[in-house]
N, C-alpha and C. Protein backbone atom coordinates (compact mmCIF):
# COMPACT_ATOMS: atom_id res chain seq x y z
N UNK A 1 151.15 73.96 -74.83
CA UNK A 1 151.46 73.05 -75.41
C UNK A 1 151.33 71.74 -74.64
N UNK A 2 151.30 70.51 -74.98
CA UNK A 2 151.00 69.34 -74.03
C UNK A 2 152.83 68.62 -74.06
N UNK A 3 152.86 67.57 -73.36
CA UNK A 3 154.45 66.94 -73.41
C UNK A 3 154.31 66.12 -74.37
N UNK A 4 155.76 65.93 -74.93
CA UNK A 4 155.45 64.76 -75.26
C UNK A 4 155.34 63.20 -75.05
N UNK A 5 155.44 63.16 -73.85
CA UNK A 5 154.85 61.71 -73.07
C UNK A 5 153.25 61.54 -73.21
N UNK A 6 152.49 62.54 -73.06
CA UNK A 6 151.25 63.13 -72.57
C UNK A 6 150.40 62.50 -74.43
N UNK A 7 150.95 63.43 -75.22
CA UNK A 7 150.60 63.46 -76.86
C UNK A 7 150.94 61.77 -77.28
N UNK A 8 151.96 61.50 -76.97
CA UNK A 8 152.33 59.87 -77.17
C UNK A 8 151.38 59.39 -76.73
N UNK A 9 150.80 59.34 -75.71
CA UNK A 9 149.82 58.38 -74.99
C UNK A 9 148.49 58.48 -75.48
N UNK A 10 148.23 59.91 -75.72
CA UNK A 10 146.98 60.36 -76.64
C UNK A 10 146.87 59.27 -77.89
N UNK A 11 148.26 59.42 -78.87
CA UNK A 11 148.25 59.08 -79.84
C UNK A 11 147.85 57.60 -80.25
N UNK A 12 148.48 56.74 -79.09
CA UNK A 12 148.29 55.62 -79.28
C UNK A 12 146.64 55.12 -79.02
N UNK A 13 145.82 55.59 -77.89
CA UNK A 13 144.47 55.67 -77.33
C UNK A 13 144.25 55.62 -78.53
N UNK A 14 143.99 57.04 -79.51
CA UNK A 14 143.41 57.29 -80.73
C UNK A 14 143.48 56.13 -81.46
N UNK A 15 144.56 55.90 -81.88
CA UNK A 15 145.20 54.74 -82.57
C UNK A 15 144.24 53.31 -82.43
N UNK A 16 144.29 53.47 -81.01
CA UNK A 16 143.53 51.72 -80.96
C UNK A 16 142.21 51.54 -81.20
N UNK A 17 141.39 52.73 -80.79
CA UNK A 17 140.01 53.60 -80.92
C UNK A 17 139.89 52.96 -82.43
N UNK A 18 140.85 53.39 -83.07
CA UNK A 18 140.65 53.31 -84.35
C UNK A 18 140.89 52.07 -85.12
N UNK A 19 142.08 51.33 -84.30
CA UNK A 19 141.81 50.44 -85.20
C UNK A 19 141.07 49.10 -84.80
N UNK A 20 140.15 49.30 -83.62
CA UNK A 20 139.12 48.93 -83.18
C UNK A 20 138.05 48.97 -83.39
N UNK A 21 138.22 50.08 -84.46
CA UNK A 21 136.41 50.33 -84.60
C UNK A 21 135.97 51.43 -83.71
N UNK A 22 136.16 51.74 -82.51
CA UNK A 22 135.78 52.14 -81.87
C UNK A 22 135.44 53.70 -82.18
N UNK A 23 136.47 54.20 -83.05
CA UNK A 23 136.35 55.42 -84.17
C UNK A 23 136.11 54.51 -85.45
N UNK A 24 135.15 54.52 -86.22
CA UNK A 24 134.50 54.26 -87.51
C UNK A 24 134.94 54.92 -88.44
N UNK A 25 135.72 54.23 -89.75
CA UNK A 25 136.14 54.91 -90.90
C UNK A 25 135.23 56.19 -91.30
N UNK A 26 135.58 57.44 -91.35
CA UNK A 26 134.67 58.08 -92.15
C UNK A 26 134.19 58.82 -90.83
N UNK A 27 133.97 58.59 -89.68
CA UNK A 27 134.02 59.08 -88.65
C UNK A 27 134.52 60.83 -88.44
N UNK A 28 133.46 61.74 -87.93
CA UNK A 28 134.30 63.24 -88.01
C UNK A 28 134.50 63.39 -86.23
N UNK A 29 136.11 63.50 -85.93
CA UNK A 29 136.90 63.96 -85.15
C UNK A 29 136.45 65.44 -84.84
N UNK A 30 135.89 65.73 -84.11
CA UNK A 30 135.79 66.66 -82.84
C UNK A 30 136.33 66.97 -81.66
N UNK A 31 137.43 68.11 -81.75
CA UNK A 31 138.03 68.17 -80.70
C UNK A 31 137.36 67.87 -79.43
N UNK A 32 136.14 68.76 -79.30
CA UNK A 32 135.81 68.89 -78.21
C UNK A 32 135.30 67.35 -77.48
N UNK A 33 134.73 66.59 -78.50
CA UNK A 33 134.39 65.33 -77.99
C UNK A 33 135.29 64.54 -77.74
N UNK A 34 136.48 64.59 -78.59
CA UNK A 34 138.01 63.94 -78.09
C UNK A 34 138.18 64.46 -76.57
N UNK A 35 138.05 65.47 -76.54
CA UNK A 35 138.76 65.89 -74.87
C UNK A 35 137.81 65.56 -74.34
N UNK A 36 136.24 65.17 -73.96
CA UNK A 36 136.01 64.47 -73.28
C UNK A 36 135.69 63.05 -73.25
N UNK A 37 136.10 62.44 -74.05
CA UNK A 37 136.11 60.69 -74.16
C UNK A 37 137.50 60.30 -73.63
N UNK A 38 138.63 61.21 -74.19
CA UNK A 38 139.97 60.91 -73.15
C UNK A 38 140.55 61.44 -71.72
N UNK A 39 139.52 62.40 -71.74
CA UNK A 39 140.05 63.22 -70.46
C UNK A 39 141.29 63.96 -70.04
N UNK A 40 141.00 64.42 -71.62
CA UNK A 40 142.59 65.44 -71.39
C UNK A 40 142.42 66.51 -72.20
N UNK A 41 143.18 67.34 -72.27
CA UNK A 41 143.05 68.78 -72.95
C UNK A 41 143.08 68.82 -74.68
N UNK A 42 142.90 70.15 -75.24
CA UNK A 42 142.73 70.08 -76.59
C UNK A 42 144.34 69.87 -77.07
N UNK A 43 145.07 70.37 -76.59
CA UNK A 43 146.67 70.67 -77.57
C UNK A 43 147.31 69.24 -77.40
N UNK A 44 147.28 68.00 -76.81
CA UNK A 44 147.50 67.18 -77.02
C UNK A 44 146.54 66.28 -77.51
N UNK A 45 145.44 66.55 -78.05
CA UNK A 45 144.49 65.92 -78.91
C UNK A 45 144.72 66.49 -80.31
N UNK A 46 144.99 67.71 -80.70
CA UNK A 46 145.52 68.25 -81.74
C UNK A 46 146.78 68.00 -82.25
N UNK A 47 147.82 67.79 -81.20
CA UNK A 47 149.31 67.17 -81.70
C UNK A 47 148.79 65.76 -82.05
N UNK A 48 148.15 64.77 -81.41
CA UNK A 48 147.87 63.39 -82.13
C UNK A 48 147.23 63.39 -83.02
N UNK A 49 146.44 64.60 -83.58
CA UNK A 49 145.18 63.73 -84.90
C UNK A 49 146.63 64.37 -86.30
N UNK A 50 147.54 65.16 -85.68
CA UNK A 50 148.12 65.76 -86.60
C UNK A 50 149.41 64.70 -87.09
N UNK A 51 149.76 64.37 -86.29
CA UNK A 51 150.52 63.01 -86.24
C UNK A 51 149.81 61.52 -86.90
N UNK A 52 148.73 61.50 -86.11
CA UNK A 52 148.23 60.08 -86.85
C UNK A 52 147.84 60.61 -88.65
N UNK A 53 147.68 61.88 -88.49
CA UNK A 53 147.25 62.50 -90.25
C UNK A 53 148.73 61.79 -91.20
N UNK A 54 149.83 61.98 -90.51
CA UNK A 54 151.02 61.25 -91.34
C UNK A 54 150.80 60.28 -91.16
N UNK A 55 150.52 59.17 -90.62
CA UNK A 55 150.50 57.86 -90.94
C UNK A 55 149.54 56.96 -91.25
N UNK A 56 148.60 58.41 -92.03
CA UNK A 56 146.98 58.01 -92.84
C UNK A 56 145.99 57.64 -91.74
N UNK A 57 146.08 57.60 -90.52
CA UNK A 57 144.95 57.10 -89.34
C UNK A 57 143.78 57.94 -89.57
N UNK A 58 144.24 59.56 -89.91
CA UNK A 58 143.39 60.54 -89.94
C UNK A 58 143.68 61.33 -91.44
N UNK A 59 142.21 61.71 -91.38
CA UNK A 59 142.16 62.85 -92.54
C UNK A 59 142.22 64.64 -92.34
N UNK A 60 142.88 65.22 -92.82
CA UNK A 60 142.25 66.33 -92.86
C UNK A 60 141.76 67.17 -94.34
N UNK A 61 140.57 67.72 -93.82
CA UNK A 61 140.28 68.80 -94.85
C UNK A 61 140.29 69.69 -94.80
N UNK A 62 141.08 71.19 -95.28
CA UNK A 62 141.67 72.41 -94.63
C UNK A 62 139.67 73.33 -94.80
N UNK A 63 139.53 73.52 -93.66
CA UNK A 63 138.68 74.58 -93.48
C UNK A 63 137.57 73.57 -93.02
N UNK A 64 137.80 72.55 -93.26
CA UNK A 64 136.16 71.50 -92.70
C UNK A 64 136.30 70.66 -91.97
N UNK A 65 137.43 70.42 -91.35
CA UNK A 65 137.52 69.19 -90.13
C UNK A 65 138.52 68.37 -90.43
N UNK A 66 137.82 67.11 -89.67
CA UNK A 66 138.94 65.93 -89.09
C UNK A 66 138.04 64.64 -88.88
N UNK A 67 138.86 63.81 -89.64
CA UNK A 67 137.67 62.38 -89.95
C UNK A 67 138.99 61.13 -89.56
N UNK A 68 138.20 60.68 -89.68
CA UNK A 68 138.85 59.08 -89.79
C UNK A 68 139.20 58.40 -90.81
N UNK A 69 139.70 58.23 -91.18
CA UNK A 69 140.32 57.93 -92.90
C UNK A 69 139.55 56.95 -93.03
N UNK A 70 139.18 56.95 -94.56
CA UNK A 70 138.22 56.45 -94.70
C UNK A 70 138.50 54.93 -95.55
N UNK A 71 138.25 53.51 -96.05
CA UNK A 71 138.94 52.71 -96.15
C UNK A 71 138.31 52.09 -97.28
N UNK A 72 138.77 51.55 -98.52
CA UNK A 72 138.33 50.94 -99.83
C UNK A 72 139.14 49.84 -100.38
N UNK A 73 138.17 49.17 -101.13
CA UNK A 73 138.94 47.97 -101.47
C UNK A 73 140.16 48.19 -102.56
N UNK A 74 140.10 48.88 -103.36
CA UNK A 74 141.19 50.12 -104.19
C UNK A 74 142.46 50.43 -103.57
N UNK A 75 142.30 50.86 -101.94
CA UNK A 75 143.38 51.09 -101.03
C UNK A 75 144.20 50.08 -100.69
N UNK A 76 142.86 48.87 -100.23
CA UNK A 76 143.75 47.55 -99.68
C UNK A 76 144.71 47.01 -100.86
N UNK A 77 143.96 46.79 -102.01
CA UNK A 77 145.10 46.13 -102.97
C UNK A 77 145.91 46.64 -102.84
N UNK A 78 146.11 48.39 -103.34
CA UNK A 78 147.53 49.18 -103.45
C UNK A 78 148.20 48.55 -102.26
N UNK A 79 147.77 48.89 -101.01
CA UNK A 79 148.64 48.64 -100.15
C UNK A 79 149.28 47.19 -99.47
N UNK A 80 148.28 46.21 -100.17
CA UNK A 80 149.11 44.82 -99.85
C UNK A 80 150.10 44.68 -101.43
N UNK A 81 149.58 45.19 -102.05
CA UNK A 81 150.75 44.77 -103.55
C UNK A 81 152.00 45.89 -103.15
N UNK A 82 152.31 46.81 -102.07
CA UNK A 82 153.04 47.60 -102.04
C UNK A 82 153.99 46.80 -101.09
N UNK A 83 153.15 46.39 -100.48
CA UNK A 83 153.87 45.84 -99.02
C UNK A 83 154.39 44.36 -99.50
N UNK A 84 153.89 43.64 -100.64
CA UNK A 84 154.69 42.55 -101.23
C UNK A 84 155.55 42.74 -101.77
N UNK A 85 155.63 44.11 -102.57
CA UNK A 85 156.80 44.05 -103.36
C UNK A 85 158.34 44.55 -102.41
N UNK A 86 157.69 45.95 -101.24
CA UNK A 86 159.12 45.64 -100.49
C UNK A 86 159.33 44.05 -99.92
N UNK A 87 158.41 43.76 -99.27
CA UNK A 87 158.53 41.87 -98.52
C UNK A 87 159.33 41.26 -99.11
N UNK A 88 159.69 41.76 -100.94
CA UNK A 88 160.16 40.63 -101.53
C UNK A 88 161.46 40.91 -101.90
N UNK A 89 161.89 41.96 -102.02
CA UNK A 89 162.80 42.55 -102.29
C UNK A 89 163.84 42.39 -100.92
N UNK A 90 163.29 43.16 -99.24
CA UNK A 90 163.58 42.76 -98.81
C UNK A 90 164.24 41.30 -97.92
N UNK A 91 163.65 40.59 -98.20
CA UNK A 91 163.53 39.09 -97.32
C UNK A 91 164.80 38.46 -98.62
N UNK A 92 164.82 39.20 -99.84
CA UNK A 92 165.88 38.45 -100.57
C UNK A 92 167.31 39.08 -100.06
N UNK A 93 167.75 40.42 -99.82
CA UNK A 93 168.39 41.07 -98.99
C UNK A 93 168.60 40.39 -97.89
N UNK A 94 167.89 39.95 -97.25
CA UNK A 94 168.04 39.47 -95.54
C UNK A 94 168.40 37.89 -95.94
N UNK A 95 168.23 36.98 -97.04
CA UNK A 95 168.28 35.65 -97.25
C UNK A 95 170.11 36.35 -97.32
N UNK A 96 170.12 37.21 -97.95
CA UNK A 96 171.72 36.91 -98.49
C UNK A 96 173.02 37.62 -97.38
N UNK A 97 172.17 38.57 -96.69
CA UNK A 97 173.08 39.33 -95.47
C UNK A 97 172.67 38.89 -93.98
N UNK A 98 171.70 38.11 -93.90
CA UNK A 98 171.50 38.26 -92.41
C UNK A 98 172.29 37.16 -91.37
N UNK A 99 172.54 37.54 -90.63
CA UNK A 99 173.39 37.28 -89.55
C UNK A 99 173.36 36.06 -88.70
N UNK A 100 173.73 35.55 -87.40
CA UNK A 100 173.53 34.76 -86.96
C UNK A 100 172.43 35.74 -85.87
N UNK A 101 172.44 36.87 -85.22
CA UNK A 101 171.77 37.51 -84.30
C UNK A 101 170.25 37.69 -84.93
N UNK A 102 170.50 37.69 -86.30
CA UNK A 102 169.04 38.05 -87.08
C UNK A 102 168.73 36.44 -87.18
N UNK A 103 169.06 35.64 -87.52
CA UNK A 103 168.83 33.94 -87.35
C UNK A 103 168.24 33.93 -85.53
N UNK A 104 168.86 34.29 -84.51
CA UNK A 104 168.23 33.85 -83.01
C UNK A 104 166.70 34.90 -82.80
N UNK A 105 166.93 36.58 -83.88
CA UNK A 105 165.65 37.27 -83.40
C UNK A 105 164.34 36.68 -84.20
N UNK A 106 164.73 35.78 -85.34
CA UNK A 106 163.71 35.04 -86.39
C UNK A 106 162.97 33.66 -85.18
N UNK A 107 164.19 33.35 -84.70
CA UNK A 107 163.32 31.96 -83.49
C UNK A 107 162.78 32.42 -82.54
N UNK A 108 163.29 33.68 -82.09
CA UNK A 108 162.65 34.06 -80.95
C UNK A 108 161.46 35.03 -81.47
N UNK A 109 160.85 35.52 -82.20
CA UNK A 109 159.55 36.43 -82.60
C UNK A 109 159.13 34.94 -82.80
N UNK A 110 159.05 34.02 -83.51
CA UNK A 110 158.42 32.96 -84.34
C UNK A 110 157.58 32.16 -82.82
N UNK A 111 158.63 31.75 -81.53
CA UNK A 111 158.13 31.33 -80.88
C UNK A 111 157.31 32.47 -79.94
N UNK A 112 157.31 33.38 -80.25
CA UNK A 112 156.35 34.43 -79.27
C UNK A 112 155.08 33.99 -80.12
N UNK A 113 155.34 33.82 -81.19
CA UNK A 113 153.81 34.39 -82.38
C UNK A 113 153.12 32.84 -82.00
N UNK A 114 154.01 31.95 -81.87
CA UNK A 114 152.92 30.79 -81.57
C UNK A 114 152.69 30.67 -80.68
N UNK A 115 152.96 31.21 -79.71
CA UNK A 115 152.12 31.06 -77.93
C UNK A 115 150.96 32.00 -78.11
N UNK A 116 150.59 32.48 -79.17
CA UNK A 116 149.06 33.25 -79.20
C UNK A 116 148.35 32.88 -80.08
N UNK A 117 147.19 31.85 -79.97
CA UNK A 117 146.21 31.54 -81.45
C UNK A 117 145.15 32.18 -81.50
N UNK A 118 145.14 33.29 -82.73
CA UNK A 118 143.95 33.87 -82.93
C UNK A 118 143.09 33.50 -83.16
N UNK A 119 143.09 32.37 -83.49
CA UNK A 119 141.47 31.38 -83.56
C UNK A 119 141.10 31.31 -82.21
N UNK A 120 141.52 31.46 -80.62
CA UNK A 120 140.81 31.18 -79.62
C UNK A 120 139.56 32.48 -79.63
N UNK A 121 138.87 32.14 -79.02
CA UNK A 121 137.55 32.79 -78.76
C UNK A 121 138.01 34.26 -77.69
N UNK A 122 139.10 34.05 -76.54
CA UNK A 122 138.97 35.13 -75.66
C UNK A 122 140.71 35.61 -75.80
N UNK A 123 141.22 35.68 -77.28
CA UNK A 123 142.71 35.36 -77.78
C UNK A 123 142.79 37.40 -77.75
N UNK A 124 143.79 38.07 -76.87
CA UNK A 124 144.10 39.05 -77.29
C UNK A 124 144.67 39.43 -78.63
N UNK A 125 144.14 39.78 -79.64
CA UNK A 125 143.89 40.14 -80.84
C UNK A 125 145.08 41.29 -81.02
N UNK A 126 145.39 42.29 -80.28
CA UNK A 126 145.84 43.42 -80.33
C UNK A 126 147.76 42.88 -80.07
N UNK A 127 147.93 41.82 -79.46
CA UNK A 127 148.99 41.37 -78.65
C UNK A 127 149.28 40.06 -79.62
N UNK A 128 147.97 39.34 -80.59
CA UNK A 128 148.44 38.89 -81.37
C UNK A 128 149.32 39.61 -82.55
N UNK A 129 148.27 40.30 -83.23
CA UNK A 129 148.72 41.72 -83.92
C UNK A 129 150.28 42.16 -83.78
N UNK A 130 150.62 42.41 -82.58
CA UNK A 130 152.38 42.81 -82.24
C UNK A 130 153.13 42.12 -82.61
N UNK A 131 153.14 40.88 -81.90
CA UNK A 131 153.53 39.40 -82.53
C UNK A 131 154.07 39.09 -83.99
N UNK A 132 153.34 39.46 -84.49
CA UNK A 132 152.62 39.09 -85.86
C UNK A 132 153.69 40.34 -86.30
N UNK A 133 153.55 41.32 -86.25
CA UNK A 133 154.16 42.02 -86.90
C UNK A 133 155.58 42.13 -86.67
N UNK A 134 156.42 41.66 -85.43
CA UNK A 134 157.61 41.86 -84.60
C UNK A 134 157.98 40.65 -85.87
N UNK A 135 157.14 39.40 -85.92
CA UNK A 135 157.97 38.34 -86.73
C UNK A 135 158.23 38.32 -87.95
N UNK A 136 156.99 39.27 -88.96
CA UNK A 136 157.41 39.87 -90.22
C UNK A 136 158.75 40.69 -90.24
N UNK A 137 158.74 41.16 -89.33
CA UNK A 137 159.74 42.30 -89.55
C UNK A 137 161.16 42.24 -89.03
N UNK A 138 161.29 40.59 -88.42
CA UNK A 138 162.31 39.95 -88.03
C UNK A 138 162.86 39.21 -89.10
N UNK A 139 162.03 38.44 -90.05
CA UNK A 139 162.23 37.81 -91.19
C UNK A 139 163.20 38.69 -92.25
N UNK A 140 162.85 40.10 -92.32
CA UNK A 140 163.26 41.47 -93.03
C UNK A 140 164.23 42.10 -92.44
N UNK A 141 164.25 41.97 -90.93
CA UNK A 141 166.28 42.86 -90.56
C UNK A 141 166.85 42.80 -91.01
N UNK A 142 167.49 41.67 -91.42
CA UNK A 142 168.91 41.37 -91.74
C UNK A 142 168.98 41.89 -93.39
N UNK A 143 168.28 42.56 -93.93
CA UNK A 143 168.40 43.22 -95.16
C UNK A 143 169.52 44.18 -95.39
N UNK A 144 169.66 44.95 -94.07
CA UNK A 144 170.51 46.16 -93.95
C UNK A 144 170.09 47.12 -94.88
N UNK A 145 168.73 47.09 -95.01
CA UNK A 145 168.46 48.33 -96.03
C UNK A 145 166.83 49.30 -95.11
N UNK A 146 167.57 50.42 -94.48
CA UNK A 146 167.01 50.85 -93.38
C UNK A 146 165.94 51.45 -93.94
N UNK A 147 165.86 52.22 -95.22
CA UNK A 147 164.90 53.47 -95.64
C UNK A 147 163.76 52.37 -96.48
N UNK A 148 164.32 50.92 -96.64
CA UNK A 148 163.03 50.35 -97.24
C UNK A 148 162.34 49.71 -96.13
N UNK A 149 163.21 49.54 -94.86
CA UNK A 149 162.22 48.68 -93.73
C UNK A 149 161.43 49.67 -92.90
N UNK A 150 162.13 50.99 -93.02
CA UNK A 150 161.01 52.15 -92.58
C UNK A 150 159.68 52.58 -93.58
N UNK A 151 159.83 52.05 -94.91
CA UNK A 151 158.54 52.29 -95.91
C UNK A 151 157.79 51.31 -95.64
N UNK A 152 158.59 49.97 -95.42
CA UNK A 152 157.55 48.73 -95.31
C UNK A 152 156.80 48.81 -93.94
N UNK A 153 157.32 49.74 -92.93
CA UNK A 153 156.75 49.89 -91.56
C UNK A 153 155.59 50.88 -91.76
N UNK A 154 155.71 51.36 -92.61
CA UNK A 154 154.53 52.79 -92.53
C UNK A 154 153.41 52.32 -93.77
N UNK A 155 153.49 51.46 -94.25
CA UNK A 155 152.70 50.36 -95.05
C UNK A 155 152.15 49.41 -94.27
N UNK A 156 152.87 48.73 -93.62
CA UNK A 156 152.64 47.73 -92.61
C UNK A 156 151.30 48.30 -91.57
N UNK A 157 151.38 49.08 -91.11
CA UNK A 157 150.77 49.90 -89.88
C UNK A 157 149.22 50.58 -91.07
N UNK A 158 149.37 50.62 -91.89
CA UNK A 158 147.81 51.06 -92.76
C UNK A 158 147.01 49.81 -93.05
N UNK A 159 148.18 48.71 -93.58
CA UNK A 159 147.34 47.29 -93.38
C UNK A 159 146.84 46.66 -92.18
N UNK A 160 147.18 47.10 -91.14
CA UNK A 160 147.01 47.03 -89.80
C UNK A 160 145.66 47.40 -89.52
N UNK A 161 144.94 47.98 -89.96
CA UNK A 161 144.39 48.62 -89.81
C UNK A 161 142.81 47.96 -90.16
N UNK A 162 143.01 47.70 -91.36
CA UNK A 162 142.15 46.92 -92.51
C UNK A 162 141.81 45.66 -91.96
N UNK A 163 143.52 44.73 -91.23
CA UNK A 163 143.07 43.45 -90.46
C UNK A 163 142.13 43.61 -89.25
N UNK A 164 142.44 44.68 -88.56
CA UNK A 164 141.67 44.40 -87.56
C UNK A 164 139.61 45.01 -87.45
N UNK A 165 139.68 45.67 -88.62
CA UNK A 165 138.48 46.01 -89.29
C UNK A 165 137.76 44.23 -89.60
N UNK A 166 138.77 43.78 -90.15
CA UNK A 166 137.96 42.06 -90.91
C UNK A 166 138.08 41.41 -88.94
N UNK A 167 139.24 41.58 -88.31
CA UNK A 167 138.58 40.38 -87.13
C UNK A 167 137.54 40.54 -86.39
N UNK A 168 136.83 42.34 -86.23
CA UNK A 168 135.64 42.42 -85.91
C UNK A 168 135.24 42.01 -86.21
N UNK A 169 134.57 41.79 -87.65
CA UNK A 169 133.21 41.42 -88.60
C UNK A 169 133.50 40.09 -88.51
N UNK A 170 134.76 39.28 -88.69
CA UNK A 170 134.77 38.43 -88.87
C UNK A 170 134.17 37.65 -87.71
N UNK A 171 134.45 37.89 -86.74
CA UNK A 171 134.37 37.19 -85.40
C UNK A 171 132.51 37.16 -84.65
N UNK A 172 131.80 38.14 -85.59
CA UNK A 172 130.71 37.99 -85.70
C UNK A 172 129.88 36.99 -86.29
N UNK A 173 131.07 36.39 -87.32
CA UNK A 173 130.37 35.28 -87.60
C UNK A 173 131.21 33.93 -87.06
N UNK A 174 131.70 34.21 -86.21
CA UNK A 174 132.18 32.71 -85.38
C UNK A 174 133.41 32.50 -86.19
N UNK A 175 133.71 32.93 -87.00
CA UNK A 175 135.04 32.54 -88.46
C UNK A 175 136.54 33.25 -87.54
N UNK A 176 137.67 32.45 -87.70
CA UNK A 176 139.06 32.90 -86.91
C UNK A 176 139.93 32.53 -88.74
N UNK A 177 141.08 33.47 -87.80
CA UNK A 177 142.29 33.36 -88.59
C UNK A 177 142.85 32.27 -88.45
N UNK A 178 143.36 31.34 -89.33
CA UNK A 178 143.98 30.06 -89.03
C UNK A 178 145.41 30.12 -89.92
N UNK A 179 145.97 29.70 -88.95
CA UNK A 179 148.07 30.12 -89.14
C UNK A 179 148.21 28.91 -90.76
N UNK A 180 147.65 27.99 -90.40
CA UNK A 180 147.90 26.33 -91.79
C UNK A 180 149.00 26.58 -91.42
N UNK A 181 150.00 26.86 -90.69
CA UNK A 181 151.72 26.64 -90.41
C UNK A 181 152.45 27.09 -91.73
N UNK A 182 151.64 28.50 -92.42
CA UNK A 182 152.39 29.54 -93.19
C UNK A 182 154.05 29.97 -92.17
N UNK A 183 153.49 30.84 -90.96
CA UNK A 183 154.73 31.12 -90.41
C UNK A 183 155.70 30.49 -90.83
N UNK A 184 155.58 29.02 -89.46
CA UNK A 184 156.81 28.06 -89.63
C UNK A 184 156.63 27.65 -90.78
N UNK A 185 156.40 27.41 -92.07
CA UNK A 185 157.29 27.59 -93.10
C UNK A 185 158.26 28.08 -94.04
N UNK A 186 157.44 29.45 -93.45
CA UNK A 186 158.45 30.18 -93.95
C UNK A 186 159.35 30.97 -93.25
N UNK A 187 159.23 30.55 -91.83
CA UNK A 187 160.71 31.05 -90.80
C UNK A 187 161.74 29.82 -91.32
N UNK A 188 161.40 28.36 -91.56
CA UNK A 188 161.99 27.19 -92.25
C UNK A 188 162.95 27.97 -93.53
N UNK A 189 161.85 27.83 -94.22
CA UNK A 189 162.80 28.68 -95.59
C UNK A 189 163.39 29.95 -95.59
N UNK A 190 163.29 30.57 -95.10
CA UNK A 190 164.36 31.96 -94.88
C UNK A 190 165.52 31.59 -94.16
N UNK A 191 165.69 30.49 -92.80
CA UNK A 191 166.54 30.41 -92.17
C UNK A 191 167.15 29.12 -93.02
N UNK A 192 166.55 27.97 -93.68
CA UNK A 192 167.29 27.39 -94.88
C UNK A 192 167.84 28.39 -95.77
N UNK A 193 167.64 29.36 -96.39
CA UNK A 193 168.66 30.06 -97.51
C UNK A 193 167.94 29.79 -98.63
N UNK A 194 166.49 29.28 -98.44
CA UNK A 194 165.91 28.79 -99.59
C UNK A 194 164.96 30.07 -100.16
N UNK A 195 165.55 30.73 -100.96
CA UNK A 195 165.05 32.04 -101.52
C UNK A 195 164.13 32.26 -102.09
N UNK A 196 163.61 30.94 -103.18
CA UNK A 196 162.90 30.53 -104.33
C UNK A 196 161.65 29.99 -103.43
N UNK A 197 161.76 29.46 -102.20
CA UNK A 197 160.56 28.85 -101.45
C UNK A 197 159.79 30.02 -100.64
N UNK A 198 160.57 30.34 -100.27
CA UNK A 198 160.54 31.10 -99.25
C UNK A 198 159.23 32.90 -100.06
N UNK A 199 159.97 33.20 -101.32
CA UNK A 199 159.19 34.04 -102.25
C UNK A 199 157.83 33.46 -102.21
N UNK A 200 158.02 32.20 -102.56
CA UNK A 200 156.64 31.87 -102.97
C UNK A 200 155.46 31.49 -101.64
N UNK A 201 156.41 31.11 -100.55
CA UNK A 201 155.26 31.12 -99.33
C UNK A 201 155.05 32.52 -99.25
N UNK A 202 155.66 33.64 -99.14
CA UNK A 202 155.56 35.24 -99.07
C UNK A 202 154.75 35.65 -99.84
N UNK A 203 154.13 34.79 -101.25
CA UNK A 203 153.21 35.49 -102.29
C UNK A 203 151.72 34.74 -101.91
N UNK A 204 152.16 33.66 -101.39
CA UNK A 204 150.98 32.73 -101.27
C UNK A 204 150.39 33.09 -99.60
N UNK A 205 150.95 33.68 -98.79
CA UNK A 205 150.72 34.12 -97.61
C UNK A 205 149.92 35.84 -97.27
N UNK A 206 150.58 36.24 -98.82
CA UNK A 206 149.76 37.56 -98.61
C UNK A 206 148.45 37.74 -99.61
N UNK A 207 148.25 37.19 -100.14
CA UNK A 207 147.02 36.74 -101.36
C UNK A 207 145.85 35.88 -100.53
N UNK A 208 146.43 35.29 -99.59
CA UNK A 208 145.27 34.33 -98.88
C UNK A 208 144.80 35.48 -97.50
N UNK A 209 145.38 36.31 -97.25
CA UNK A 209 145.38 37.66 -95.93
C UNK A 209 144.43 38.29 -96.73
N UNK A 210 144.81 38.76 -97.98
CA UNK A 210 143.98 39.82 -98.82
C UNK A 210 142.46 39.63 -99.44
N UNK A 211 142.90 38.33 -99.73
CA UNK A 211 141.00 37.77 -99.99
C UNK A 211 140.26 37.65 -98.83
N UNK A 212 141.09 37.23 -97.43
CA UNK A 212 139.70 36.92 -96.18
C UNK A 212 139.56 38.56 -95.98
N UNK A 213 140.64 39.63 -95.89
CA UNK A 213 139.79 40.56 -95.92
C UNK A 213 138.99 41.66 -96.46
N UNK A 214 139.36 41.24 -98.12
CA UNK A 214 138.04 42.10 -98.85
C UNK A 214 136.98 41.13 -98.73
N UNK A 215 137.14 40.12 -98.36
CA UNK A 215 135.63 39.47 -98.50
C UNK A 215 134.36 40.51 -96.94
N UNK A 216 135.35 41.34 -95.89
CA UNK A 216 133.91 42.02 -95.25
C UNK A 216 134.33 43.35 -95.51
N UNK A 217 134.58 43.95 -96.70
CA UNK A 217 134.69 45.05 -97.23
C UNK A 217 133.50 45.53 -98.21
């Protein structure tokens, strides 16, 4: 058995290669090849693939092998719909229940997000994605709904893979993601306790994101 630390490291490098398209959707994952690629033993590779399958990054077929999970328009739409349903409930609860620490966390996470411009040619998109995720999670964290927040994280992780595929392809056409002030507006609506405006902005933000990603599938 490999150590938990080594397994976690292998999980992360495989996950990043899937997100960045180095391991393409539908590509077969052979343990012997991955051992050579990552210079680690078979045990941490197998353990990593099992755990990545739990998060839907990897698909196992009994007695056939293991593949990078495929992508589809139907799954993308289902993921975004689920994400939006969870986000709407959580943001309403957060506006009702959020405290001062929640508000400060929103301000901090927005400031960090605004410091990275995904429209720049040399941007570290992995860093932007982490800050983007942290901002959206900060908005919802005041909901005091840990079970629903965990479900939200799981769905968001799957959407992240689609977003990375879109970014890799859209850069080939010299197109970039532009914020259009949506994150700032969403932050202000939530901190201002304007539930109706926050939900409207959330709907628009989600719809614009899915339409941009759909164009490259």
